[in-house]
Amino acid sequence: MASVTSSASIWQGYRCQNFVLHGRDCILVRPDASMRSNPWIWRTEFFGAFAALDLTLLKVGFHVAYIDVQHMYGAPIAMRYIDGFYERTVSGL
């Protein structure tokens, strides 16, 4: 598995982790309290551009996950990057 350096920060008052995985910028913003089902919303472009929606979802317990796969438009490599992000994050980044 690729080595990942993670840094903690705050986005709009929420804890987040910033890291690079396989050369792609990644951000995971955590809600103050997760919903029981632990839902996520994915952003693959324009992180922060729709902050009102992301903030509403964070408030009710969603995680906001961003990985830069701009201009890949659902290509198989983009899906592998997203799968790698998910695997790395749920295994305790």
PDB file of N, CA and C in Angstrom:
ATOM      1  N   MET A   1       0.840  -1.173   0.000  1.00  0.00           N
ATOM      2  CA  MET A   1       0.000   0.000   0.000  1.00  0.00           C
ATOM      3  C   MET A   1       0.889   1.241   0.000  1.00  0.00           C
ATOM      4  N   ALA A   2       0.493   2.275  -0.710  1.00  0.00           N
ATOM      5  CA  ALA A   2       1.278   3.498  -0.812  1.00  0.00           C
ATOM      6  C   ALA A   2       1.364   4.199   0.540  1.00  0.00           C
ATOM      7  N   SER A   3       2.525   4.789   0.814  1.00  0.00           N
ATOM      8  CA  SER A   3       2.636   5.532   2.068  1.00  0.00           C
ATOM      9  C   SER A   3       1.926   6.869   1.908  1.00  0.00           C
ATOM     10  N   VAL A   4       1.306   7.303   2.981  1.00  0.00           N
ATOM     11  CA  VAL A   4       0.510   8.523   2.948  1.00  0.00           C
ATOM     12  C   VAL A   4       0.907   9.394   4.127  1.00  0.00           C
ATOM     13  N   THR A   5       1.169  10.660   3.843  1.00  0.00           N
ATOM     14  CA  THR A   5       1.404  11.627   4.905  1.00  0.00           C
ATOM     15  C   THR A   5       0.136  12.439   5.042  1.00  0.00           C
ATOM     16  N   SER A   6      -0.378  12.493   6.235  1.00  0.00           N
ATOM     17  CA  SER A   6      -1.638  13.168   6.502  1.00  0.00           C
ATOM     18  C   SER A   6      -1.403  14.359   7.418  1.00  0.00           C
ATOM     19  N   SER A   7      -2.126  15.437   7.170  1.00  0.00           N
ATOM     20  CA  SER A   7      -2.077  16.574   8.080  1.00  0.00           C
ATOM     21  C   SER A   7      -3.498  16.939   8.478  1.00  0.00           C
ATOM     22  N   ALA A   8      -3.645  17.326   9.717  1.00  0.00           N
ATOM     23  CA  ALA A   8      -4.962  17.713  10.235  1.00  0.00           C
ATOM     24  C   ALA A   8      -5.160  19.201  10.022  1.00  0.00           C
ATOM     25  N   SER A   9      -6.391  19.568   9.771  1.00  0.00           N
ATOM     26  CA  SER A   9      -6.744  20.982   9.650  1.00  0.00           C
ATOM     27  C   SER A   9      -8.223  21.141  10.000  1.00  0.00           C
ATOM     28  N   ILE A  10      -8.692  22.343   9.863  1.00  0.00           N
ATOM     29  CA  ILE A  10     -10.105  22.671  10.114  1.00  0.00           C
ATOM     30  C   ILE A  10     -10.666  23.270   8.829  1.00  0.00           C
ATOM     31  N   TRP A  11     -11.826  22.786   8.426  1.00  0.00           N
ATOM     32  CA  TRP A  11     -12.538  23.370   7.285  1.00  0.00           C
ATOM     33  C   TRP A  11     -13.925  23.752   7.770  1.00  0.00           C
ATOM     34  N   GLN A  12     -14.246  25.024   7.704  1.00  0.00           N
ATOM     35  CA  GLN A  12     -15.561  25.535   8.095  1.00  0.00           C
ATOM     36  C   GLN A  12     -15.957  25.068   9.499  1.00  0.00           C
ATOM     37  N   GLY A  13     -14.972  24.929  10.382  1.00  0.00           N
ATOM     38  CA  GLY A  13     -15.245  24.522  11.755  1.00  0.00           C
ATOM     39  C   GLY A  13     -15.248  23.022  11.988  1.00  0.00           C
ATOM     40  N   TYR A  14     -15.023  22.231  10.957  1.00  0.00           N
ATOM     41  CA  TYR A  14     -15.012  20.769  11.067  1.00  0.00           C
ATOM     42  C   TYR A  14     -13.586  20.236  10.908  1.00  0.00           C
ATOM     43  N   ARG A  15     -13.295  19.154  11.635  1.00  0.00           N
ATOM     44  CA  ARG A  15     -11.988  18.499  11.541  1.00  0.00           C
ATOM     45  C   ARG A  15     -11.837  17.860  10.169  1.00  0.00           C
ATOM     46  N   CYS A  16     -10.660  18.018   9.605  1.00  0.00           N
ATOM     47  CA  CYS A  16     -10.414  17.333   8.344  1.00  0.00           C
ATOM     48  C   CYS A  16      -8.976  16.873   8.255  1.00  0.00           C
ATOM     49  N   GLN A  17      -8.772  15.918   7.382  1.00  0.00           N
ATOM     50  CA  GLN A  17      -7.453  15.392   7.082  1.00  0.00           C
ATOM     51  C   GLN A  17      -7.154  15.696   5.625  1.00  0.00           C
ATOM     52  N   ASN A  18      -5.964  16.182   5.368  1.00  0.00           N
ATOM     53  CA  ASN A  18      -5.496  16.472   4.014  1.00  0.00           C
ATOM     54  C   ASN A  18      -4.343  15.522   3.733  1.00  0.00           C
ATOM     55  N   PHE A  19      -4.351  14.891   2.577  1.00  0.00           N
ATOM     56  CA  PHE A  19      -3.282  13.968   2.233  1.00  0.00           C
ATOM     57  C   PHE A  19      -3.208  13.794   0.726  1.00  0.00           C
ATOM     58  N   VAL A  20      -2.135  13.186   0.283  1.00  0.00           N
ATOM     59  CA  VAL A  20      -1.953  12.860  -1.128  1.00  0.00           C
ATOM     60  C   VAL A  20      -1.843  11.345  -1.211  1.00  0.00           C
ATOM     61  N   LEU A  21      -2.626  10.767  -2.101  1.00  0.00           N
ATOM     62  CA  LEU A  21      -2.628   9.322  -2.297  1.00  0.00           C
ATOM     63  C   LEU A  21      -2.476   9.044  -3.785  1.00  0.00           C
ATOM     64  N   HIS A  22      -1.439   8.312  -4.150  1.00  0.00           N
ATOM     65  CA  HIS A  22      -1.154   8.020  -5.554  1.00  0.00           C
ATOM     66  C   HIS A  22      -1.103   9.295  -6.400  1.00  0.00           C
ATOM     67  N   GLY A  23      -0.532  10.357  -5.812  1.00  0.00           N
ATOM     68  CA  GLY A  23      -0.383  11.616  -6.531  1.00  0.00           C
ATOM     69  C   GLY A  23      -1.634  12.473  -6.606  1.00  0.00           C
ATOM     70  N   ARG A  24      -2.702  12.052  -5.944  1.00  0.00           N
ATOM     71  CA  ARG A  24      -3.975  12.793  -5.995  1.00  0.00           C
ATOM     72  C   ARG A  24      -4.214  13.464  -4.652  1.00  0.00           C
ATOM     73  N   ASP A  25      -4.572  14.751  -4.667  1.00  0.00           N
ATOM     74  CA  ASP A  25      -4.929  15.459  -3.437  1.00  0.00           C
ATOM     75  C   ASP A  25      -6.234  14.904  -2.888  1.00  0.00           C
ATOM     76  N   CYS A  26      -6.275  14.700  -1.568  1.00  0.00           N
ATOM     77  CA  CYS A  26      -7.451  14.144  -0.904  1.00  0.00           C
ATOM     78  C   CYS A  26      -7.753  14.944   0.355  1.00  0.00           C
ATOM     79  N   ILE A  27      -9.022  15.029   0.682  1.00  0.00           N
ATOM     80  CA  ILE A  27      -9.484  15.674   1.908  1.00  0.00           C
ATOM     81  C   ILE A  27     -10.634  14.840   2.460  1.00  0.00           C
ATOM     82  N   LEU A  28     -10.615  14.600   3.757  1.00  0.00           N
ATOM     83  CA  LEU A  28     -11.738  13.960   4.423  1.00  0.00           C
ATOM     84  C   LEU A  28     -12.178  14.872   5.552  1.00  0.00           C
ATOM     85  N   VAL A  29     -13.407  15.366   5.465  1.00  0.00           N
ATOM     86  CA  VAL A  29     -13.972  16.235   6.502  1.00  0.00           C
ATOM     87  C   VAL A  29     -14.922  15.384   7.332  1.00  0.00           C
ATOM     88  N   ARG A  30     -14.717  15.432   8.646  1.00  0.00           N
ATOM     89  CA  ARG A  30     -15.488  14.578   9.554  1.00  0.00           C
ATOM     90  C   ARG A  30     -16.570  15.391  10.277  1.00  0.00           C
ATOM     91  N   PRO A  31     -17.761  14.817  10.394  1.00  0.00           N
ATOM     92  CA  PRO A  31     -18.812  15.496  11.165  1.00  0.00           C
ATOM     93  C   PRO A  31     -18.472  15.454  12.656  1.00  0.00           C
ATOM     94  N   ASP A  32     -19.090  16.318  13.421  1.00  0.00           N
ATOM     95  CA  ASP A  32     -18.898  16.278  14.878  1.00  0.00           C
ATOM     96  C   ASP A  32     -19.406  14.959  15.449  1.00  0.00           C
ATOM     97  N   ALA A  33     -20.518  14.473  14.910  1.00  0.00           N
ATOM     98  CA  ALA A  33     -21.087  13.182  15.319  1.00  0.00           C
ATOM     99  C   ALA A  33     -21.627  12.504  14.066  1.00  0.00           C
ATOM    100  N   SER A  34     -21.098  11.321  13.759  1.00  0.00           N
ATOM    101  CA  SER A  34     -21.537  10.584  12.571  1.00  0.00           C
ATOM    102  C   SER A  34     -22.921   9.992  12.780  1.00  0.00           C
ATOM    103  N   MET A  35     -23.661   9.914  11.672  1.00  0.00           N
ATOM    104  CA  MET A  35     -24.911   9.162  11.708  1.00  0.00           C
ATOM    105  C   MET A  35     -24.558   7.696  11.933  1.00  0.00           C
ATOM    106  N   ARG A  36     -25.477   6.952  12.447  1.00  0.00           N
ATOM    107  CA  ARG A  36     -25.261   5.533  12.730  1.00  0.00           C
ATOM    108  C   ARG A  36     -24.818   4.761  11.489  1.00  0.00           C
ATOM    109  N   SER A  37     -25.345   5.115  10.332  1.00  0.00           N
ATOM    110  CA  SER A  37     -25.003   4.419   9.085  1.00  0.00           C
ATOM    111  C   SER A  37     -23.691   4.913   8.470  1.00  0.00           C
ATOM    112  N   ASN A  38     -23.088   5.953   9.062  1.00  0.00           N
ATOM    113  CA  ASN A  38     -21.786   6.468   8.639  1.00  0.00           C
ATOM    114  C   ASN A  38     -21.749   6.875   7.157  1.00  0.00           C
ATOM    115  N   PRO A  39     -22.698   7.696   6.684  1.00  0.00           N
ATOM    116  CA  PRO A  39     -22.743   8.039   5.256  1.00  0.00           C
ATOM    117  C   PRO A  39     -21.652   9.030   4.846  1.00  0.00           C
ATOM    118  N   TRP A  40     -21.345   9.003   3.556  1.00  0.00           N
ATOM    119  CA  TRP A  40     -20.365   9.900   2.944  1.00  0.00           C
ATOM    120  C   TRP A  40     -20.995  10.584   1.743  1.00  0.00           C
ATOM    121  N   ILE A  41     -20.476  11.756   1.413  1.00  0.00           N
ATOM    122  CA  ILE A  41     -20.729  12.361   0.115  1.00  0.00           C
ATOM    123  C   ILE A  41     -19.364  12.554  -0.522  1.00  0.00           C
ATOM    124  N   TRP A  42     -19.272  12.225  -1.794  1.00  0.00           N
ATOM    125  CA  TRP A  42     -18.005  12.325  -2.523  1.00  0.00           C
ATOM    126  C   TRP A  42     -17.972  13.585  -3.352  1.00  0.00           C
ATOM    127  N   ARG A  43     -16.813  14.217  -3.334  1.00  0.00           N
ATOM    128  CA  ARG A  43     -16.531  15.355  -4.218  1.00  0.00           C
ATOM    129  C   ARG A  43     -15.307  14.980  -5.033  1.00  0.00           C
ATOM    130  N   THR A  44     -15.392  15.100  -6.349  1.00  0.00           N
ATOM    131  CA  THR A  44     -14.263  14.767  -7.205  1.00  0.00           C
ATOM    132  C   THR A  44     -13.759  15.988  -7.973  1.00  0.00           C
ATOM    133  N   GLU A  45     -14.432  17.090  -7.798  1.00  0.00           N
ATOM    134  CA  GLU A  45     -14.011  18.379  -8.346  1.00  0.00           C
ATOM    135  C   GLU A  45     -14.595  19.466  -7.460  1.00  0.00           C
ATOM    136  N   PHE A  46     -13.986  20.618  -7.529  1.00  0.00           N
ATOM    137  CA  PHE A  46     -14.527  21.840  -6.921  1.00  0.00           C
ATOM    138  C   PHE A  46     -14.792  21.738  -5.424  1.00  0.00           C
ATOM    139  N   PHE A  47     -13.831  21.186  -4.663  1.00  0.00           N
ATOM    140  CA  PHE A  47     -14.031  21.110  -3.221  1.00  0.00           C
ATOM    141  C   PHE A  47     -14.317  22.500  -2.666  1.00  0.00           C
ATOM    142  N   GLY A  48     -15.361  22.605  -1.860  1.00  0.00           N
ATOM    143  CA  GLY A  48     -15.739  23.864  -1.232  1.00  0.00           C
ATOM    144  C   GLY A  48     -16.659  24.736  -2.061  1.00  0.00           C
ATOM    145  N   ALA A  49     -16.870  24.391  -3.328  1.00  0.00           N
ATOM    146  CA  ALA A  49     -17.711  25.215  -4.193  1.00  0.00           C
ATOM    147  C   ALA A  49     -19.187  25.139  -3.810  1.00  0.00           C
ATOM    148  N   PHE A  50     -19.591  24.065  -3.172  1.00  0.00           N
ATOM    149  CA  PHE A  50     -20.979  23.886  -2.761  1.00  0.00           C
ATOM    150  C   PHE A  50     -21.026  23.735  -1.248  1.00  0.00           C
ATOM    151  N   ALA A  51     -20.386  24.661  -0.584  1.00  0.00           N
ATOM    152  CA  ALA A  51     -20.198  24.565   0.865  1.00  0.00           C
ATOM    153  C   ALA A  51     -21.516  24.485   1.622  1.00  0.00           C
ATOM    154  N   ALA A  52     -22.554  25.161   1.170  1.00  0.00           N
ATOM    155  CA  ALA A  52     -23.826  25.138   1.900  1.00  0.00           C
ATOM    156  C   ALA A  52     -24.361  23.710   2.008  1.00  0.00           C
ATOM    157  N   LEU A  53     -24.319  22.970   0.924  1.00  0.00           N
ATOM    158  CA  LEU A  53     -24.788  21.577   0.955  1.00  0.00           C
ATOM    159  C   LEU A  53     -23.877  20.723   1.828  1.00  0.00           C
ATOM    160  N   ASP A  54     -22.569  20.849   1.632  1.00  0.00           N
ATOM    161  CA  ASP A  54     -21.629  20.059   2.426  1.00  0.00           C
ATOM    162  C   ASP A  54     -21.781  20.345   3.912  1.00  0.00           C
ATOM    163  N   LEU A  55     -21.947  21.605   4.280  1.00  0.00           N
ATOM    164  CA  LEU A  55     -22.113  21.969   5.691  1.00  0.00           C
ATOM    165  C   LEU A  55     -23.406  21.405   6.270  1.00  0.00           C
ATOM    166  N   THR A  56     -24.471  21.407   5.486  1.00  0.00           N
ATOM    167  CA  THR A  56     -25.737  20.826   5.942  1.00  0.00           C
ATOM    168  C   THR A  56     -25.581  19.330   6.172  1.00  0.00           C
ATOM    169  N   LEU A  57     -24.907  18.652   5.254  1.00  0.00           N
ATOM    170  CA  LEU A  57     -24.703  17.211   5.402  1.00  0.00           C
ATOM    171  C   LEU A  57     -23.781  16.905   6.579  1.00  0.00           C
ATOM    172  N   LEU A  58     -22.727  17.687   6.767  1.00  0.00           N
ATOM    173  CA  LEU A  58     -21.847  17.497   7.930  1.00  0.00           C
ATOM    174  C   LEU A  58     -22.633  17.660   9.227  1.00  0.00           C
ATOM    175  N   LYS A  59     -23.505  18.642   9.260  1.00  0.00           N
ATOM    176  CA  LYS A  59     -24.285  18.925  10.474  1.00  0.00           C
ATOM    177  C   LYS A  59     -25.156  17.734  10.875  1.00  0.00           C
ATOM    178  N   VAL A  60     -25.651  16.990   9.870  1.00  0.00           N
ATOM    179  CA  VAL A  60     -26.512  15.834  10.192  1.00  0.00           C
ATOM    180  C   VAL A  60     -25.736  14.527  10.275  1.00  0.00           C
ATOM    181  N   GLY A  61     -24.407  14.576  10.093  1.00  0.00           N
ATOM    182  CA  GLY A  61     -23.602  13.390  10.331  1.00  0.00           C
ATOM    183  C   GLY A  61     -22.917  12.744   9.150  1.00  0.00           C
ATOM    184  N   PHE A  62     -22.954  13.367   7.981  1.00  0.00           N
ATOM    185  CA  PHE A  62     -22.231  12.836   6.818  1.00  0.00           C
ATOM    186  C   PHE A  62     -20.754  13.207   6.905  1.00  0.00           C
ATOM    187  N   HIS A  63     -19.904  12.393   6.304  1.00  0.00           N
ATOM    188  CA  HIS A  63     -18.517  12.738   6.033  1.00  0.00           C
ATOM    189  C   HIS A  63     -18.480  13.344   4.632  1.00  0.00           C
ATOM    190  N   VAL A  64     -17.586  14.300   4.396  1.00  0.00           N
ATOM    191  CA  VAL A  64     -17.380  14.857   3.063  1.00  0.00           C
ATOM    192  C   VAL A  64     -15.991  14.413   2.611  1.00  0.00           C
ATOM    193  N   ALA A  65     -15.956  13.673   1.512  1.00  0.00           N
ATOM    194  CA  ALA A  65     -14.710  13.121   0.989  1.00  0.00           C
ATOM    195  C   ALA A  65     -14.409  13.747  -0.365  1.00  0.00           C
ATOM    196  N   TYR A  66     -13.178  14.243  -0.507  1.00  0.00           N
ATOM    197  CA  TYR A  66     -12.751  14.832  -1.773  1.00  0.00           C
ATOM    198  C   TYR A  66     -11.485  14.148  -2.255  1.00  0.00           C
ATOM    199  N   ILE A  67     -11.465  13.799  -3.522  1.00  0.00           N
ATOM    200  CA  ILE A  67     -10.245  13.342  -4.187  1.00  0.00           C
ATOM    201  C   ILE A  67     -10.203  14.000  -5.555  1.00  0.00           C
ATOM    202  N   ASP A  68      -9.044  14.518  -5.887  1.00  0.00           N
ATOM    203  CA  ASP A  68      -8.879  15.217  -7.161  1.00  0.00           C
ATOM    204  C   ASP A  68      -8.752  14.210  -8.302  1.00  0.00           C
ATOM    205  N   VAL A  69      -9.868  13.969  -8.964  1.00  0.00           N
ATOM    206  CA  VAL A  69      -9.855  13.166 -10.187  1.00  0.00           C
ATOM    207  C   VAL A  69     -10.491  13.986 -11.315  1.00  0.00           C
ATOM    208  N   GLN A  70     -10.189  15.284 -11.288  1.00  0.00           N
ATOM    209  CA  GLN A  70     -10.711  16.179 -12.317  1.00  0.00           C
ATOM    210  C   GLN A  70     -10.285  15.716 -13.700  1.00  0.00           C
ATOM    211  N   HIS A  71     -11.182  15.904 -14.637  1.00  0.00           N
ATOM    212  CA  HIS A  71     -10.955  15.601 -16.054  1.00  0.00           C
ATOM    213  C   HIS A  71     -10.804  14.109 -16.338  1.00  0.00           C
ATOM    214  N   MET A  72     -11.183  13.274 -15.396  1.00  0.00           N
ATOM    215  CA  MET A  72     -11.130  11.833 -15.626  1.00  0.00           C
ATOM    216  C   MET A  72     -12.521  11.269 -15.899  1.00  0.00           C
ATOM    217  N   TYR A  73     -13.555  11.995 -15.516  1.00  0.00           N
ATOM    218  CA  TYR A  73     -14.939  11.703 -15.857  1.00  0.00           C
ATOM    219  C   TYR A  73     -15.347  10.233 -15.775  1.00  0.00           C
ATOM    220  N   GLY A  74     -15.106   9.616 -14.643  1.00  0.00           N
ATOM    221  CA  GLY A  74     -15.556   8.252 -14.404  1.00  0.00           C
ATOM    222  C   GLY A  74     -14.718   7.176 -15.064  1.00  0.00           C
ATOM    223  N   ALA A  75     -13.541   7.529 -15.576  1.00  0.00           N
ATOM    224  CA  ALA A  75     -12.661   6.541 -16.204  1.00  0.00           C
ATOM    225  C   ALA A  75     -12.262   5.477 -15.176  1.00  0.00           C
ATOM    226  N   PRO A  76     -11.943   4.278 -15.633  1.00  0.00           N
ATOM    227  CA  PRO A  76     -11.554   3.217 -14.703  1.00  0.00           C
ATOM    228  C   PRO A  76     -10.424   3.623 -13.749  1.00  0.00           C
ATOM    229  N   ILE A  77      -9.435   4.386 -14.208  1.00  0.00           N
ATOM    230  CA  ILE A  77      -8.353   4.813 -13.319  1.00  0.00           C
ATOM    231  C   ILE A  77      -8.889   5.725 -12.216  1.00  0.00           C
ATOM    232  N   ALA A  78      -9.841   6.584 -12.536  1.00  0.00           N
ATOM    233  CA  ALA A  78     -10.438   7.455 -11.522  1.00  0.00           C
ATOM    234  C   ALA A  78     -11.147   6.613 -10.466  1.00  0.00           C
ATOM    235  N   MET A  79     -11.841   5.591 -10.898  1.00  0.00           N
ATOM    236  CA  MET A  79     -12.544   4.721  -9.957  1.00  0.00           C
ATOM    237  C   MET A  79     -11.549   3.971  -9.069  1.00  0.00           C
ATOM    238  N   ARG A  80     -10.400   3.585  -9.620  1.00  0.00           N
ATOM    239  CA  ARG A  80      -9.371   2.928  -8.805  1.00  0.00           C
ATOM    240  C   ARG A  80      -8.813   3.893  -7.763  1.00  0.00           C
ATOM    241  N   TYR A  81      -8.619   5.156  -8.143  1.00  0.00           N
ATOM    242  CA  TYR A  81      -8.158   6.161  -7.173  1.00  0.00           C
ATOM    243  C   TYR A  81      -9.180   6.327  -6.042  1.00  0.00           C
ATOM    244  N   ILE A  82     -10.448   6.410  -6.411  1.00  0.00           N
ATOM    245  CA  ILE A  82     -11.510   6.573  -5.406  1.00  0.00           C
ATOM    246  C   ILE A  82     -11.573   5.336  -4.504  1.00  0.00           C
ATOM    247  N   ASP A  83     -11.490   4.161  -5.083  1.00  0.00           N
ATOM    248  CA  ASP A  83     -11.481   2.935  -4.277  1.00  0.00           C
ATOM    249  C   ASP A  83     -10.288   2.924  -3.320  1.00  0.00           C
ATOM    250  N   GLY A  84      -9.126   3.361  -3.796  1.00  0.00           N
ATOM    251  CA  GLY A  84      -7.943   3.430  -2.950  1.00  0.00           C
ATOM    252  C   GLY A  84      -8.109   4.404  -1.801  1.00  0.00           C
ATOM    253  N   PHE A  85      -8.717   5.552  -2.085  1.00  0.00           N
ATOM    254  CA  PHE A  85      -9.014   6.554  -1.043  1.00  0.00           C
ATOM    255  C   PHE A  85      -9.915   5.930   0.014  1.00  0.00           C
ATOM    256  N   TYR A  86     -10.979   5.300  -0.432  1.00  0.00           N
ATOM    257  CA  TYR A  86     -11.928   4.696   0.497  1.00  0.00           C
ATOM    258  C   TYR A  86     -11.261   3.620   1.354  1.00  0.00           C
ATOM    259  N   GLU A  87     -10.532   2.715   0.703  1.00  0.00           N
ATOM    260  CA  GLU A  87      -9.862   1.631   1.426  1.00  0.00           C
ATOM    261  C   GLU A  87      -8.901   2.189   2.486  1.00  0.00           C
ATOM    262  N   ARG A  88      -8.110   3.167   2.089  1.00  0.00           N
ATOM    263  CA  ARG A  88      -7.119   3.757   2.986  1.00  0.00           C
ATOM    264  C   ARG A  88      -7.805   4.457   4.159  1.00  0.00           C
ATOM    265  N   THR A  89      -8.879   5.147   3.882  1.00  0.00           N
ATOM    266  CA  THR A  89      -9.554   5.924   4.916  1.00  0.00           C
ATOM    267  C   THR A  89     -10.273   5.032   5.919  1.00  0.00           C
ATOM    268  N   VAL A  90     -10.994   4.022   5.451  1.00  0.00           N
ATOM    269  CA  VAL A  90     -11.724   3.179   6.386  1.00  0.00           C
ATOM    270  C   VAL A  90     -10.793   2.242   7.157  1.00  0.00           C
ATOM    271  N   SER A  91      -9.565   2.063   6.662  1.00  0.00           N
ATOM    272  CA  SER A  91      -8.614   1.224   7.393  1.00  0.00           C
ATOM    273  C   SER A  91      -7.834   2.021   8.428  1.00  0.00           C
ATOM    274  N   GLY A  92      -8.182   3.291   8.599  1.00  0.00           N
ATOM    275  CA  GLY A  92      -7.582   4.085   9.666  1.00  0.00           C
ATOM    276  C   GLY A  92      -6.421   4.951   9.241  1.00  0.00           C
ATOM    277  N   LEU A  93      -6.611   5.698   8.197  1.00  0.00           N
ATOM    278  CA  LEU A  93      -5.586   6.605   7.672  1.00  0.00           C
ATOM    279  C   LEU A  93      -4.704   7.191   8.748  1.00  0.00           C
TER     280      LEU A  93
END
